[in-house]
Amino acid sequence: MPRKKKQNYKYPLIEITWDDAEVTNHWETTAETIVTDAMVTTVGFLVKETDTHLVIASTYADDLTNARIQIPKAMVKTRKTI
């Protein structure tokens, strides 16, 4: 089976695994508090990168982007270009 040609996108298509923040919405004692990793995976177009953050969009058209998420680099565990 022939390999597919890699797409040429305006922005790099990346996949990151990162430790997300969590919130609870009920009363609990401090003894009940459990700290766990909340590992998640995000795939999208890297539209901006600073020294401290990545901004990933799910959709773009010309110079417009939509459904963006800004993730602190300190939370990122793995990163690869697709």
C-alpha atoms as a PDB file:
ATOM      1  CA  MET A   1       0.000   0.000   0.000  1.00  0.00           C
ATOM      2  CA  PRO A   2       1.522   3.392  -0.980  1.00  0.00           C
ATOM      3  CA  ARG A   3       2.253   5.941   1.746  1.00  0.00           C
ATOM      4  CA  LYS A   4       0.118   9.048   1.848  1.00  0.00           C
ATOM      5  CA  LYS A   5       1.813  12.339   1.054  1.00  0.00           C
ATOM      6  CA  LYS A   6       2.201  14.605   4.083  1.00  0.00           C
ATOM      7  CA  GLN A   7      -0.172  17.582   4.061  1.00  0.00           C
ATOM      8  CA  ASN A   8       1.185  21.113   3.773  1.00  0.00           C
ATOM      9  CA  TYR A   9      -0.614  23.176   6.401  1.00  0.00           C
ATOM     10  CA  LYS A  10      -0.155  26.857   7.160  1.00  0.00           C
ATOM     11  CA  TYR A  11       0.582  25.999  10.817  1.00  0.00           C
ATOM     12  CA  PRO A  12       2.413  22.995  12.281  1.00  0.00           C
ATOM     13  CA  LEU A  13       0.055  20.164  13.232  1.00  0.00           C
ATOM     14  CA  ILE A  14       1.106  18.931  16.671  1.00  0.00           C
ATOM     15  CA  GLU A  15       0.111  16.448  19.343  1.00  0.00           C
ATOM     16  CA  ILE A  16       0.848  17.179  22.975  1.00  0.00           C
ATOM     17  CA  THR A  17       0.226  15.248  26.158  1.00  0.00           C
ATOM     18  CA  TRP A  18      -0.161  17.474  29.172  1.00  0.00           C
ATOM     19  CA  ASP A  19      -1.214  17.494  32.816  1.00  0.00           C
ATOM     20  CA  ASP A  20      -4.504  19.394  32.918  1.00  0.00           C
ATOM     21  CA  ALA A  21      -5.815  21.337  35.892  1.00  0.00           C
ATOM     22  CA  GLU A  22      -8.817  19.889  37.703  1.00  0.00           C
ATOM     23  CA  VAL A  23     -11.629  21.313  39.770  1.00  0.00           C
ATOM     24  CA  THR A  24     -14.122  19.783  42.175  1.00  0.00           C
ATOM     25  CA  ASN A  25     -17.532  21.284  42.753  1.00  0.00           C
ATOM     26  CA  HIS A  26     -18.587  19.815  46.071  1.00  0.00           C
ATOM     27  CA  TRP A  27     -17.663  20.073  49.740  1.00  0.00           C
ATOM     28  CA  GLU A  28     -15.065  17.612  50.979  1.00  0.00           C
ATOM     29  CA  THR A  29     -12.700  17.314  53.909  1.00  0.00           C
ATOM     30  CA  THR A  30      -8.996  17.808  53.402  1.00  0.00           C
ATOM     31  CA  ALA A  31      -8.524  14.131  54.312  1.00  0.00           C
ATOM     32  CA  GLU A  32     -10.626  13.219  51.266  1.00  0.00           C
ATOM     33  CA  THR A  33      -8.432  15.267  48.936  1.00  0.00           C
ATOM     34  CA  ILE A  34      -6.679  13.045  46.413  1.00  0.00           C
ATOM     35  CA  VAL A  35      -4.042  14.497  44.110  1.00  0.00           C
ATOM     36  CA  THR A  36      -3.680  12.684  40.782  1.00  0.00           C
ATOM     37  CA  ASP A  37      -2.384  13.519  37.340  1.00  0.00           C
ATOM     38  CA  ALA A  38      -5.017  14.530  34.815  1.00  0.00           C
ATOM     39  CA  MET A  39      -3.145  13.555  31.664  1.00  0.00           C
ATOM     40  CA  VAL A  40      -4.857  14.609  28.436  1.00  0.00           C
ATOM     41  CA  THR A  41      -3.916  14.695  24.755  1.00  0.00           C
ATOM     42  CA  THR A  42      -4.521  17.646  22.447  1.00  0.00           C
ATOM     43  CA  VAL A  43      -4.063  17.623  18.660  1.00  0.00           C
ATOM     44  CA  GLY A  44      -4.247  20.802  16.612  1.00  0.00           C
ATOM     45  CA  PHE A  45      -2.514  23.597  14.780  1.00  0.00           C
ATOM     46  CA  LEU A  46       0.219  25.444  16.662  1.00  0.00           C
ATOM     47  CA  VAL A  47      -0.705  29.063  15.894  1.00  0.00           C
ATOM     48  CA  LYS A  48       1.516  30.764  18.478  1.00  0.00           C
ATOM     49  CA  GLU A  49       4.357  29.820  20.788  1.00  0.00           C
ATOM     50  CA  THR A  50       5.988  31.963  23.449  1.00  0.00           C
ATOM     51  CA  ASP A  51       8.656  31.156  26.016  1.00  0.00           C
ATOM     52  CA  THR A  52       5.921  30.034  28.409  1.00  0.00           C
ATOM     53  CA  HIS A  53       2.832  28.990  26.408  1.00  0.00           C
ATOM     54  CA  LEU A  54       1.520  27.121  23.367  1.00  0.00           C
ATOM     55  CA  VAL A  55      -1.635  28.268  21.573  1.00  0.00           C
ATOM     56  CA  ILE A  56      -3.300  25.451  19.621  1.00  0.00           C
ATOM     57  CA  ALA A  57      -6.303  25.896  17.329  1.00  0.00           C
ATOM     58  CA  SER A  58      -8.581  23.199  15.979  1.00  0.00           C
ATOM     59  CA  THR A  59      -9.488  25.156  12.837  1.00  0.00           C
ATOM     60  CA  TYR A  60      -8.054  27.907  10.656  1.00  0.00           C
ATOM     61  CA  ALA A  61      -9.060  29.839   7.545  1.00  0.00           C
ATOM     62  CA  ASP A  62      -6.609  32.349   6.091  1.00  0.00           C
ATOM     63  CA  ASP A  63      -5.442  34.375   9.127  1.00  0.00           C
ATOM     64  CA  LEU A  64      -8.435  33.428  11.300  1.00  0.00           C
ATOM     65  CA  THR A  65      -8.348  30.652  13.897  1.00  0.00           C
ATOM     66  CA  ASN A  66     -11.061  29.077  16.026  1.00  0.00           C
ATOM     67  CA  ALA A  67     -11.413  26.815  19.074  1.00  0.00           C
ATOM     68  CA  ARG A  68      -8.043  27.802  20.522  1.00  0.00           C
ATOM     69  CA  ILE A  69      -6.541  26.577  23.753  1.00  0.00           C
ATOM     70  CA  GLN A  70      -3.618  28.228  25.534  1.00  0.00           C
ATOM     71  CA  ILE A  71      -1.523  25.722  27.479  1.00  0.00           C
ATOM     72  CA  PRO A  72       1.378  26.584  29.785  1.00  0.00           C
ATOM     73  CA  LYS A  73       4.533  24.792  28.611  1.00  0.00           C
ATOM     74  CA  ALA A  74       5.246  23.725  32.187  1.00  0.00           C
ATOM     75  CA  MET A  75       2.195  21.425  31.944  1.00  0.00           C
ATOM     76  CA  VAL A  76       3.339  19.753  28.693  1.00  0.00           C
ATOM     77  CA  LYS A  77       4.857  16.285  29.115  1.00  0.00           C
ATOM     78  CA  THR A  78       5.305  15.222  25.457  1.00  0.00           C
ATOM     79  CA  ARG A  79       5.153  17.030  22.143  1.00  0.00           C
ATOM     80  CA  LYS A  80       5.471  15.849  18.556  1.00  0.00           C
ATOM     81  CA  THR A  81       4.837  17.267  15.115  1.00  0.00           C
ATOM     82  CA  ILE A  82       2.463  15.144  13.058  1.00  0.00           C
END
